[in-house]
């Protein structure tokens, strides 16, 4: 399934949800969102006990520490399943990783 298919599926799901709610009322249980943007990723991480800031999340995705998919030049797309799996596996030792990245960056200058 391509990224455009995922985005189209999200739009269709939202439209169906609105139609069901309009028809049956708001007592219908809403499905769990499976894909989303940076704010979605923050909410998934926060709900699972990993409280981080938006800038830290951007940094970690840039370094490849948090699973995401880049859509176009700037948009990041996150999967709930991938984020939850990543959390269950345990996060890498960020301090050692960042230190090695910084050392590598300094030596390239």
PDB file of N, CA and C in Angstrom:
ATOM      1  N   UNK A   1       0.848  -1.168   0.000  1.00  0.00           N
ATOM      2  CA  UNK A   1       0.000   0.000   0.000  1.00  0.00           C
ATOM      3  C   UNK A   1       0.895   1.233   0.000  1.00  0.00           C
ATOM      4  N   UNK A   2       0.756   2.085  -0.985  1.00  0.00           N
ATOM      5  CA  UNK A   2       1.560   3.292  -1.093  1.00  0.00           C
ATOM      6  C   UNK A   2       1.098   4.369  -0.127  1.00  0.00           C
ATOM      7  N   UNK A   3       1.914   5.386   0.009  1.00  0.00           N
ATOM      8  CA  UNK A   3       1.595   6.467   0.946  1.00  0.00           C
ATOM      9  C   UNK A   3       0.356   7.233   0.524  1.00  0.00           C
ATOM     10  N   UNK A   4       0.167   7.392  -0.780  1.00  0.00           N
ATOM     11  CA  UNK A   4      -1.046   8.073  -1.242  1.00  0.00           C
ATOM     12  C   UNK A   4      -2.270   7.230  -0.924  1.00  0.00           C
ATOM     13  N   UNK A   5      -2.133   5.904  -1.028  1.00  0.00           N
ATOM     14  CA  UNK A   5      -3.237   5.012  -0.673  1.00  0.00           C
ATOM     15  C   UNK A   5      -3.575   5.131   0.809  1.00  0.00           C
ATOM     16  N   UNK A   6      -2.550   5.245   1.646  1.00  0.00           N
ATOM     17  CA  UNK A   6      -2.758   5.390   3.090  1.00  0.00           C
ATOM     18  C   UNK A   6      -3.481   6.691   3.385  1.00  0.00           C
ATOM     19  N   UNK A   7      -3.052   7.768   2.745  1.00  0.00           N
ATOM     20  CA  UNK A   7      -3.688   9.072   2.953  1.00  0.00           C
ATOM     21  C   UNK A   7      -5.139   9.044   2.462  1.00  0.00           C
ATOM     22  N   UNK A   8      -5.368   8.439   1.306  1.00  0.00           N
ATOM     23  CA  UNK A   8      -6.724   8.322   0.775  1.00  0.00           C
ATOM     24  C   UNK A   8      -7.591   7.487   1.716  1.00  0.00           C
ATOM     25  N   UNK A   9      -7.032   6.397   2.246  1.00  0.00           N
ATOM     26  CA  UNK A   9      -7.775   5.554   3.181  1.00  0.00           C
ATOM     27  C   UNK A   9      -8.149   6.333   4.440  1.00  0.00           C
ATOM     28  N   UNK A  10      -7.229   7.173   4.933  1.00  0.00           N
ATOM     29  CA  UNK A  10      -7.508   7.986   6.117  1.00  0.00           C
ATOM     30  C   UNK A  10      -8.664   8.944   5.849  1.00  0.00           C
ATOM     31  N   UNK A  11      -8.654   9.580   4.677  1.00  0.00           N
ATOM     32  CA  UNK A  11      -9.716  10.523   4.309  1.00  0.00           C
ATOM     33  C   UNK A  11     -11.060   9.803   4.222  1.00  0.00           C
ATOM     34  N   UNK A  12     -11.061   8.650   3.589  1.00  0.00           N
ATOM     35  CA  UNK A  12     -12.297   7.868   3.462  1.00  0.00           C
ATOM     36  C   UNK A  12     -12.791   7.433   4.842  1.00  0.00           C
ATOM     37  N   UNK A  13     -11.871   6.957   5.692  1.00  0.00           N
ATOM     38  CA  UNK A  13     -12.251   6.530   7.042  1.00  0.00           C
ATOM     39  C   UNK A  13     -12.887   7.670   7.830  1.00  0.00           C
ATOM     40  N   UNK A  14     -12.302   8.859   7.730  1.00  0.00           N
ATOM     41  CA  UNK A  14     -12.859  10.012   8.440  1.00  0.00           C
ATOM     42  C   UNK A  14     -14.249  10.358   7.916  1.00  0.00           C
ATOM     43  N   UNK A  15     -14.433  10.287   6.600  1.00  0.00           N
ATOM     44  CA  UNK A  15     -15.739  10.595   6.010  1.00  0.00           C
ATOM     45  C   UNK A  15     -16.783   9.565   6.450  1.00  0.00           C
ATOM     46  N   UNK A  16     -16.394   8.295   6.475  1.00  0.00           N
ATOM     47  CA  UNK A  16     -17.311   7.236   6.916  1.00  0.00           C
ATOM     48  C   UNK A  16     -17.662   7.424   8.390  1.00  0.00           C
ATOM     49  N   UNK A  17     -16.663   7.749   9.207  1.00  0.00           N
ATOM     50  CA  UNK A  17     -16.902   7.987  10.633  1.00  0.00           C
ATOM     51  C   UNK A  17     -17.908   9.114  10.844  1.00  0.00           C
ATOM     52  N   UNK A  18     -17.731  10.199  10.090  1.00  0.00           N
ATOM     53  CA  UNK A  18     -18.667  11.330  10.218  1.00  0.00           C
ATOM     54  C   UNK A  18     -20.075  10.921   9.786  1.00  0.00           C
ATOM     55  N   UNK A  19     -20.179  10.145   8.714  1.00  0.00           N
ATOM     56  CA  UNK A  19     -21.488   9.707   8.228  1.00  0.00           C
ATOM     57  C   UNK A  19     -22.171   8.785   9.240  1.00  0.00           C
ATOM     58  N   UNK A  20     -21.407   7.873   9.834  1.00  0.00           N
ATOM     59  CA  UNK A  20     -21.966   6.964  10.837  1.00  0.00           C
ATOM     60  C   UNK A  20     -22.421   7.738  12.058  1.00  0.00           C
ATOM     61  N   UNK A  21     -21.592   8.679  12.500  1.00  0.00           N
ATOM     62  CA  UNK A  21     -21.942   9.474  13.678  1.00  0.00           C
ATOM     63  C   UNK A  21     -23.201  10.297  13.415  1.00  0.00           C
ATOM     64  N   UNK A  22     -23.298  10.843  12.220  1.00  0.00           N
ATOM     65  CA  UNK A  22     -24.471  11.650  11.855  1.00  0.00           C
ATOM     66  C   UNK A  22     -25.720  10.771  11.848  1.00  0.00           C
ATOM     67  N   UNK A  23     -25.587   9.558  11.331  1.00  0.00           N
ATOM     68  CA  UNK A  23     -26.731   8.651  11.201  1.00  0.00           C
ATOM     69  C   UNK A  23     -27.124   8.010  12.533  1.00  0.00           C
ATOM     70  N   UNK A  24     -26.115   7.557  13.301  1.00  0.00           N
ATOM     71  CA  UNK A  24     -26.393   6.796  14.521  1.00  0.00           C
ATOM     72  C   UNK A  24     -26.202   7.581  15.806  1.00  0.00           C
ATOM     73  N   UNK A  25     -25.620   8.758  15.693  1.00  0.00           N
ATOM     74  CA  UNK A  25     -25.348   9.546  16.888  1.00  0.00           C
ATOM     75  C   UNK A  25     -23.926   9.313  17.373  1.00  0.00           C
ATOM     76  N   UNK A  26     -23.568   9.998  18.413  1.00  0.00           N
ATOM     77  CA  UNK A  26     -22.190   9.946  18.886  1.00  0.00           C
ATOM     78  C   UNK A  26     -21.924   8.798  19.850  1.00  0.00           C
ATOM     79  N   UNK A  27     -22.875   7.893  20.056  1.00  0.00           N
ATOM     80  CA  UNK A  27     -22.680   6.761  20.958  1.00  0.00           C
ATOM     81  C   UNK A  27     -21.863   5.639  20.330  1.00  0.00           C
ATOM     82  N   UNK A  28     -21.581   5.742  19.048  1.00  0.00           N
ATOM     83  CA  UNK A  28     -20.820   4.710  18.352  1.00  0.00           C
ATOM     84  C   UNK A  28     -19.343   4.845  18.721  1.00  0.00           C
ATOM     85  N   UNK A  29     -18.718   3.721  19.077  1.00  0.00           N
ATOM     86  CA  UNK A  29     -17.292   3.731  19.427  1.00  0.00           C
ATOM     87  C   UNK A  29     -16.468   4.006  18.180  1.00  0.00           C
ATOM     88  N   UNK A  30     -15.559   4.965  18.284  1.00  0.00           N
ATOM     89  CA  UNK A  30     -14.741   5.343  17.137  1.00  0.00           C
ATOM     90  C   UNK A  30     -13.544   4.401  17.017  1.00  0.00           C
ATOM     91  N   UNK A  31     -13.160   4.069  15.781  1.00  0.00           N
ATOM     92  CA  UNK A  31     -12.003   3.188  15.597  1.00  0.00           C
ATOM     93  C   UNK A  31     -10.704   3.897  15.992  1.00  0.00           C
ATOM     94  N   UNK A  32      -9.703   3.109  16.309  1.00  0.00           N
ATOM     95  CA  UNK A  32      -8.401   3.652  16.681  1.00  0.00           C
ATOM     96  C   UNK A  32      -7.669   4.096  15.419  1.00  0.00           C
ATOM     97  N   UNK A  33      -7.155   5.314  15.450  1.00  0.00           N
ATOM     98  CA  UNK A  33      -6.385   5.850  14.324  1.00  0.00           C
ATOM     99  C   UNK A  33      -5.070   5.083  14.232  1.00  0.00           C
ATOM    100  N   UNK A  34      -4.697   4.630  13.035  1.00  0.00           N
ATOM    101  CA  UNK A  34      -3.505   3.809  12.869  1.00  0.00           C
ATOM    102  C   UNK A  34      -2.322   4.561  12.261  1.00  0.00           C
ATOM    103  N   UNK A  35      -2.565   5.673  11.582  1.00  0.00           N
ATOM    104  CA  UNK A  35      -1.502   6.445  10.941  1.00  0.00           C
ATOM    105  C   UNK A  35      -1.734   7.923  11.208  1.00  0.00           C
ATOM    106  N   UNK A  36      -0.639   8.696  11.212  1.00  0.00           N
ATOM    107  CA  UNK A  36      -0.819  10.121  11.409  1.00  0.00           C
ATOM    108  C   UNK A  36       0.473  10.905  11.325  1.00  0.00           C
ATOM    109  N   UNK A  37       0.333  12.195  11.596  1.00  0.00           N
ATOM    110  CA  UNK A  37       1.448  13.131  11.478  1.00  0.00           C
ATOM    111  C   UNK A  37       2.236  13.214  12.791  1.00  0.00           C
ATOM    112  N   UNK A  38       3.030  14.250  12.932  1.00  0.00           N
ATOM    113  CA  UNK A  38       3.902  14.407  14.106  1.00  0.00           C
ATOM    114  C   UNK A  38       3.096  14.523  15.397  1.00  0.00           C
ATOM    115  N   UNK A  39       1.969  15.223  15.361  1.00  0.00           N
ATOM    116  CA  UNK A  39       1.131  15.346  16.556  1.00  0.00           C
ATOM    117  C   UNK A  39       0.527  13.995  16.947  1.00  0.00           C
ATOM    118  N   UNK A  40       0.168  13.208  15.950  1.00  0.00           N
ATOM    119  CA  UNK A  40      -0.324  11.848  16.193  1.00  0.00           C
ATOM    120  C   UNK A  40       0.752  11.020  16.882  1.00  0.00           C
ATOM    121  N   UNK A  41       1.992  11.091  16.376  1.00  0.00           N
ATOM    122  CA  UNK A  41       3.103  10.333  16.965  1.00  0.00           C
ATOM    123  C   UNK A  41       3.333  10.752  18.414  1.00  0.00           C
ATOM    124  N   UNK A  42       3.282  12.055  18.674  1.00  0.00           N
ATOM    125  CA  UNK A  42       3.450  12.540  20.047  1.00  0.00           C
ATOM    126  C   UNK A  42       2.368  11.985  20.966  1.00  0.00           C
ATOM    127  N   UNK A  43       1.133  11.953  20.483  1.00  0.00           N
ATOM    128  CA  UNK A  43       0.042  11.442  21.320  1.00  0.00           C
ATOM    129  C   UNK A  43       0.203   9.947  21.586  1.00  0.00           C
ATOM    130  N   UNK A  44       0.657   9.183  20.577  1.00  0.00           N
ATOM    131  CA  UNK A  44       0.884   7.746  20.770  1.00  0.00           C
ATOM    132  C   UNK A  44       2.014   7.522  21.771  1.00  0.00           C
ATOM    133  N   UNK A  45       3.111   8.244  21.601  1.00  0.00           N
ATOM    134  CA  UNK A  45       4.252   8.095  22.506  1.00  0.00           C
ATOM    135  C   UNK A  45       3.875   8.514  23.932  1.00  0.00           C
ATOM    136  N   UNK A  46       3.186   9.648  24.073  1.00  0.00           N
ATOM    137  CA  UNK A  46       2.773  10.119  25.392  1.00  0.00           C
ATOM    138  C   UNK A  46       1.829   9.125  26.071  1.00  0.00           C
ATOM    139  N   UNK A  47       0.896   8.565  25.292  1.00  0.00           N
ATOM    140  CA  UNK A  47      -0.059   7.602  25.843  1.00  0.00           C
ATOM    141  C   UNK A  47       0.637   6.327  26.314  1.00  0.00           C
ATOM    142  N   UNK A  48       1.803   6.047  25.747  1.00  0.00           N
ATOM    143  CA  UNK A  48       2.559   4.845  26.117  1.00  0.00           C
ATOM    144  C   UNK A  48       3.705   5.152  27.076  1.00  0.00           C
ATOM    145  N   UNK A  49       3.653   6.320  27.718  1.00  0.00           N
ATOM    146  CA  UNK A  49       4.614   6.648  28.752  1.00  0.00           C
ATOM    147  C   UNK A  49       5.919   7.264  28.288  1.00  0.00           C
ATOM    148  N   UNK A  50       6.058   7.573  27.010  1.00  0.00           N
ATOM    149  CA  UNK A  50       7.281   8.189  26.487  1.00  0.00           C
ATOM    150  C   UNK A  50       6.974   9.651  26.181  1.00  0.00           C
ATOM    151  N   UNK A  51       7.141  10.507  27.168  1.00  0.00           N
ATOM    152  CA  UNK A  51       6.812  11.922  27.009  1.00  0.00           C
ATOM    153  C   UNK A  51       8.031  12.659  26.456  1.00  0.00           C
ATOM    154  N   UNK A  52       7.893  13.183  25.242  1.00  0.00           N
ATOM    155  CA  UNK A  52       8.969  13.948  24.615  1.00  0.00           C
ATOM    156  C   UNK A  52       8.368  15.180  23.941  1.00  0.00           C
ATOM    157  N   UNK A  53       9.214  16.133  23.637  1.00  0.00           N
ATOM    158  CA  UNK A  53       8.758  17.347  22.963  1.00  0.00           C
ATOM    159  C   UNK A  53       8.751  17.124  21.450  1.00  0.00           C
ATOM    160  N   UNK A  54       8.079  18.032  20.767  1.00  0.00           N
ATOM    161  CA  UNK A  54       8.016  17.949  19.310  1.00  0.00           C
ATOM    162  C   UNK A  54       9.413  18.090  18.703  1.00  0.00           C
ATOM    163  N   UNK A  55      10.229  18.981  19.240  1.00  0.00           N
ATOM    164  CA  UNK A  55      11.573  19.167  18.681  1.00  0.00           C
ATOM    165  C   UNK A  55      12.434  17.924  18.893  1.00  0.00           C
ATOM    166  N   UNK A  56      12.285  17.270  20.037  1.00  0.00           N
ATOM    167  CA  UNK A  56      13.024  16.027  20.280  1.00  0.00           C
ATOM    168  C   UNK A  56      12.571  14.947  19.317  1.00  0.00           C
ATOM    169  N   UNK A  57      11.281  14.879  19.063  1.00  0.00           N
ATOM    170  CA  UNK A  57      10.756  13.888  18.114  1.00  0.00           C
ATOM    171  C   UNK A  57      11.316  14.142  16.714  1.00  0.00           C
ATOM    172  N   UNK A  58      11.331  15.406  16.289  1.00  0.00           N
ATOM    173  CA  UNK A  58      11.918  15.729  14.987  1.00  0.00           C
ATOM    174  C   UNK A  58      13.389  15.310  14.945  1.00  0.00           C
ATOM    175  N   UNK A  59      14.126  15.620  16.003  1.00  0.00           N
ATOM    176  CA  UNK A  59      15.537  15.258  16.067  1.00  0.00           C
ATOM    177  C   UNK A  59      15.740  13.756  15.951  1.00  0.00           C
ATOM    178  N   UNK A  60      14.966  12.995  16.711  1.00  0.00           N
ATOM    179  CA  UNK A  60      15.126  11.538  16.725  1.00  0.00           C
ATOM    180  C   UNK A  60      14.714  10.905  15.401  1.00  0.00           C
ATOM    181  N   UNK A  61      13.728  11.473  14.736  1.00  0.00           N
ATOM    182  CA  UNK A  61      13.357  10.927  13.419  1.00  0.00           C
ATOM    183  C   UNK A  61      14.447  11.263  12.403  1.00  0.00           C
ATOM    184  N   UNK A  62      15.022  12.449  12.515  1.00  0.00           N
ATOM    185  CA  UNK A  62      16.110  12.845  11.615  1.00  0.00           C
ATOM    186  C   UNK A  62      17.308  11.909  11.759  1.00  0.00           C
ATOM    187  N   UNK A  63      17.593  11.491  12.990  1.00  0.00           N
ATOM    188  CA  UNK A  63      18.713  10.587  13.251  1.00  0.00           C
ATOM    189  C   UNK A  63      18.359   9.123  12.992  1.00  0.00           C
ATOM    190  N   UNK A  64      17.103   8.853  12.627  1.00  0.00           N
ATOM    191  CA  UNK A  64      16.682   7.485  12.348  1.00  0.00           C
ATOM    192  C   UNK A  64      16.420   6.672  13.601  1.00  0.00           C
ATOM    193  N   UNK A  65      16.187   7.328  14.712  1.00  0.00           N
ATOM    194  CA  UNK A  65      15.969   6.634  15.973  1.00  0.00           C
ATOM    195  C   UNK A  65      14.510   6.252  16.201  1.00  0.00           C
ATOM    196  N   UNK A  66      13.594   6.936  15.531  1.00  0.00           N
ATOM    197  CA  UNK A  66      12.173   6.660  15.677  1.00  0.00           C
ATOM    198  C   UNK A  66      11.626   6.316  14.293  1.00  0.00           C
ATOM    199  N   UNK A  67      10.867   5.215  14.179  1.00  0.00           N
ATOM    200  CA  UNK A  67      10.354   4.803  12.870  1.00  0.00           C
ATOM    201  C   UNK A  67       9.328   5.787  12.307  1.00  0.00           C
ATOM    202  N   UNK A  68       9.548   6.194  11.073  1.00  0.00           N
ATOM    203  CA  UNK A  68       8.597   7.062  10.383  1.00  0.00           C
ATOM    204  C   UNK A  68       8.832   6.941   8.885  1.00  0.00           C
ATOM    205  N   UNK A  69       7.925   7.492   8.127  1.00  0.00           N
ATOM    206  CA  UNK A  69       8.043   7.527   6.675  1.00  0.00           C
ATOM    207  C   UNK A  69       7.976   8.978   6.246  1.00  0.00           C
ATOM    208  N   UNK A  70       8.859   9.372   5.368  1.00  0.00           N
ATOM    209  CA  UNK A  70       8.857  10.745   4.873  1.00  0.00           C
ATOM    210  C   UNK A  70       7.969  10.810   3.630  1.00  0.00           C
ATOM    211  N   UNK A  71       7.024  11.745   3.637  1.00  0.00           N
ATOM    212  CA  UNK A  71       6.113  11.948   2.523  1.00  0.00           C
ATOM    213  C   UNK A  71       6.451  13.282   1.891  1.00  0.00           C
ATOM    214  N   UNK A  72       6.878  13.257   0.660  1.00  0.00           N
ATOM    215  CA  UNK A  72       7.305  14.489   0.020  1.00  0.00           C
ATOM    216  C   UNK A  72       8.621  14.956   0.604  1.00  0.00           C
ATOM    217  N   UNK A  73       8.827  16.266   0.604  1.00  0.00           N
ATOM    218  CA  UNK A  73      10.097  16.795   1.101  1.00  0.00           C
ATOM    219  C   UNK A  73      10.104  17.022   2.609  1.00  0.00           C
ATOM    220  N   UNK A  74       8.944  17.275   3.209  1.00  0.00           N
ATOM    221  CA  UNK A  74       8.938  17.689   4.613  1.00  0.00           C
ATOM    222  C   UNK A  74       8.007  16.913   5.530  1.00  0.00           C
ATOM    223  N   UNK A  75       6.964  16.323   5.027  1.00  0.00           N
ATOM    224  CA  UNK A  75       5.955  15.715   5.883  1.00  0.00           C
ATOM    225  C   UNK A  75       6.400  14.342   6.382  1.00  0.00           C
ATOM    226  N   UNK A  76       6.226  14.125   7.688  1.00  0.00           N
ATOM    227  CA  UNK A  76       6.528  12.833   8.301  1.00  0.00           C
ATOM    228  C   UNK A  76       5.226  12.106   8.601  1.00  0.00           C
ATOM    229  N   UNK A  77       5.224  10.801   8.384  1.00  0.00           N
ATOM    230  CA  UNK A  77       4.042   9.980   8.584  1.00  0.00           C
ATOM    231  C   UNK A  77       4.419   8.839   9.506  1.00  0.00           C
ATOM    232  N   UNK A  78       3.617   8.598  10.539  1.00  0.00           N
ATOM    233  CA  UNK A  78       3.923   7.602  11.551  1.00  0.00           C
ATOM    234  C   UNK A  78       2.839   6.526  11.599  1.00  0.00           C
ATOM    235  N   UNK A  79       3.259   5.307  11.895  1.00  0.00           N
ATOM    236  CA  UNK A  79       2.357   4.177  12.065  1.00  0.00           C
ATOM    237  C   UNK A  79       2.259   3.850  13.553  1.00  0.00           C
ATOM    238  N   UNK A  80       1.039   3.732  14.062  1.00  0.00           N
ATOM    239  CA  UNK A  80       0.840   3.371  15.470  1.00  0.00           C
ATOM    240  C   UNK A  80       1.516   2.039  15.775  1.00  0.00           C
ATOM    241  N   UNK A  81       1.345   1.069  14.880  1.00  0.00           N
ATOM    242  CA  UNK A  81       1.914  -0.261  15.095  1.00  0.00           C
ATOM    243  C   UNK A  81       3.447  -0.194  15.196  1.00  0.00           C
ATOM    244  N   UNK A  82       4.079   0.542  14.288  1.00  0.00           N
ATOM    245  CA  UNK A  82       5.537   0.666  14.311  1.00  0.00           C
ATOM    246  C   UNK A  82       6.016   1.373  15.574  1.00  0.00           C
ATOM    247  N   UNK A  83       5.320   2.427  15.986  1.00  0.00           N
ATOM    248  CA  UNK A  83       5.705   3.154  17.199  1.00  0.00           C
ATOM    249  C   UNK A  83       5.573   2.274  18.437  1.00  0.00           C
ATOM    250  N   UNK A  84       4.465   1.540  18.538  1.00  0.00           N
ATOM    251  CA  UNK A  84       4.258   0.678  19.702  1.00  0.00           C
ATOM    252  C   UNK A  84       5.256  -0.470  19.726  1.00  0.00           C
ATOM    253  N   UNK A  85       5.578  -1.034  18.559  1.00  0.00           N
ATOM    254  CA  UNK A  85       6.594  -2.089  18.481  1.00  0.00           C
ATOM    255  C   UNK A  85       7.949  -1.540  18.899  1.00  0.00           C
ATOM    256  N   UNK A  86       8.281  -0.354  18.425  1.00  0.00           N
ATOM    257  CA  UNK A  86       9.544   0.295  18.767  1.00  0.00           C
ATOM    258  C   UNK A  86       9.649   0.514  20.283  1.00  0.00           C
ATOM    259  N   UNK A  87       8.543   0.934  20.898  1.00  0.00           N
ATOM    260  CA  UNK A  87       8.541   1.152  22.345  1.00  0.00           C
ATOM    261  C   UNK A  87       8.708  -0.162  23.106  1.00  0.00           C
ATOM    262  N   UNK A  88       8.055  -1.225  22.630  1.00  0.00           N
ATOM    263  CA  UNK A  88       8.150  -2.530  23.297  1.00  0.00           C
ATOM    264  C   UNK A  88       9.558  -3.107  23.216  1.00  0.00           C
ATOM    265  N   UNK A  89      10.233  -2.865  22.105  1.00  0.00           N
ATOM    266  CA  UNK A  89      11.585  -3.386  21.919  1.00  0.00           C
ATOM    267  C   UNK A  89      12.598  -2.615  22.746  1.00  0.00           C
ATOM    268  N   UNK A  90      12.197  -1.504  23.256  1.00  0.00           N
ATOM    269  CA  UNK A  90      13.104  -0.669  24.034  1.00  0.00           C
ATOM    270  C   UNK A  90      13.830   0.292  23.114  1.00  0.00           C
ATOM    271  N   UNK A  91      13.975   1.497  23.553  1.00  0.00           N
ATOM    272  CA  UNK A  91      14.621   2.524  22.754  1.00  0.00           C
ATOM    273  C   UNK A  91      16.129   2.358  22.842  1.00  0.00           C
ATOM    274  N   UNK A  92      16.865   2.706  21.790  1.00  0.00           N
ATOM    275  CA  UNK A  92      18.319   2.617  21.868  1.00  0.00           C
ATOM    276  C   UNK A  92      18.874   3.612  22.880  1.00  0.00           C
ATOM    277  N   UNK A  93      20.087   3.379  23.337  1.00  0.00           N
ATOM    278  CA  UNK A  93      20.733   4.299  24.274  1.00  0.00           C
ATOM    279  C   UNK A  93      21.049   5.577  23.506  1.00  0.00           C
ATOM    280  N   UNK A  94      20.160   6.544  23.627  1.00  0.00           N
ATOM    281  CA  UNK A  94      20.230   7.767  22.831  1.00  0.00           C
ATOM    282  C   UNK A  94      21.525   8.530  23.090  1.00  0.00           C
ATOM    283  N   UNK A  95      21.942   8.601  24.333  1.00  0.00           N
ATOM    284  CA  UNK A  95      23.117   9.410  24.644  1.00  0.00           C
ATOM    285  C   UNK A  95      24.361   8.898  23.913  1.00  0.00           C
ATOM    286  N   UNK A  96      24.577   7.605  23.878  1.00  0.00           N
ATOM    287  CA  UNK A  96      25.731   7.045  23.174  1.00  0.00           C
ATOM    288  C   UNK A  96      25.596   7.276  21.666  1.00  0.00           C
ATOM    289  N   UNK A  97      24.387   7.080  21.159  1.00  0.00           N
ATOM    290  CA  UNK A  97      24.155   7.240  19.721  1.00  0.00           C
ATOM    291  C   UNK A  97      24.385   8.690  19.303  1.00  0.00           C
ATOM    292  N   UNK A  98      23.811   9.622  20.062  1.00  0.00           N
ATOM    293  CA  UNK A  98      23.971  11.035  19.729  1.00  0.00           C
ATOM    294  C   UNK A  98      25.433  11.455  19.835  1.00  0.00           C
ATOM    295  N   UNK A  99      26.127  10.932  20.833  1.00  0.00           N
ATOM    296  CA  UNK A  99      27.543  11.268  20.990  1.00  0.00           C
ATOM    297  C   UNK A  99      28.339  10.802  19.778  1.00  0.00           C
ATOM    298  N   UNK A 100      28.080   9.599  19.302  1.00  0.00           N
ATOM    299  CA  UNK A 100      28.819   9.096  18.141  1.00  0.00           C
ATOM    300  C   UNK A 100      28.467   9.889  16.885  1.00  0.00           C
ATOM    301  N   UNK A 101      27.202  10.300  16.768  1.00  0.00           N
ATOM    302  CA  UNK A 101      26.788  11.114  15.623  1.00  0.00           C
ATOM    303  C   UNK A 101      27.490  12.473  15.647  1.00  0.00           C
ATOM    304  N   UNK A 102      27.562  13.069  16.815  1.00  0.00           N
ATOM    305  CA  UNK A 102      28.211  14.373  16.936  1.00  0.00           C
ATOM    306  C   UNK A 102      29.701  14.271  16.642  1.00  0.00           C
ATOM    307  N   UNK A 103      30.338  13.217  17.150  1.00  0.00           N
ATOM    308  CA  UNK A 103      31.767  13.023  16.887  1.00  0.00           C
ATOM    309  C   UNK A 103      31.997  12.828  15.386  1.00  0.00           C
ATOM    310  N   UNK A 104      31.145  12.026  14.762  1.00  0.00           N
ATOM    311  CA  UNK A 104      31.271  11.799  13.313  1.00  0.00           C
ATOM    312  C   UNK A 104      31.063  13.097  12.551  1.00  0.00           C
ATOM    313  N   UNK A 105      30.112  13.923  12.998  1.00  0.00           N
ATOM    314  CA  UNK A 105      29.854  15.201  12.350  1.00  0.00           C
ATOM    315  C   UNK A 105      31.011  16.162  12.484  1.00  0.00           C
ATOM    316  N   UNK A 106      31.654  16.173  13.635  1.00  0.00           N
ATOM    317  CA  UNK A 106      32.804  17.051  13.870  1.00  0.00           C
ATOM    318  C   UNK A 106      33.978  16.617  13.017  1.00  0.00           C
ATOM    319  N   UNK A 107      34.184  15.309  12.885  1.00  0.00           N
ATOM    320  CA  UNK A 107      35.336  14.830  12.117  1.00  0.00           C
ATOM    321  C   UNK A 107      35.184  15.060  10.616  1.00  0.00           C
ATOM    322  N   UNK A 108      33.961  15.269  10.145  1.00  0.00           N
ATOM    323  CA  UNK A 108      33.717  15.493   8.718  1.00  0.00           C
ATOM    324  C   UNK A 108      34.054  16.926   8.307  1.00  0.00           C
ATOM    325  N   UNK A 109      34.131  17.834   9.260  1.00  0.00           N
ATOM    326  CA  UNK A 109      34.341  19.249   8.959  1.00  0.00           C
ATOM    327  C   UNK A 109      35.697  19.541   8.460  1.00  0.00           C
TER     328      UNK A 109
END
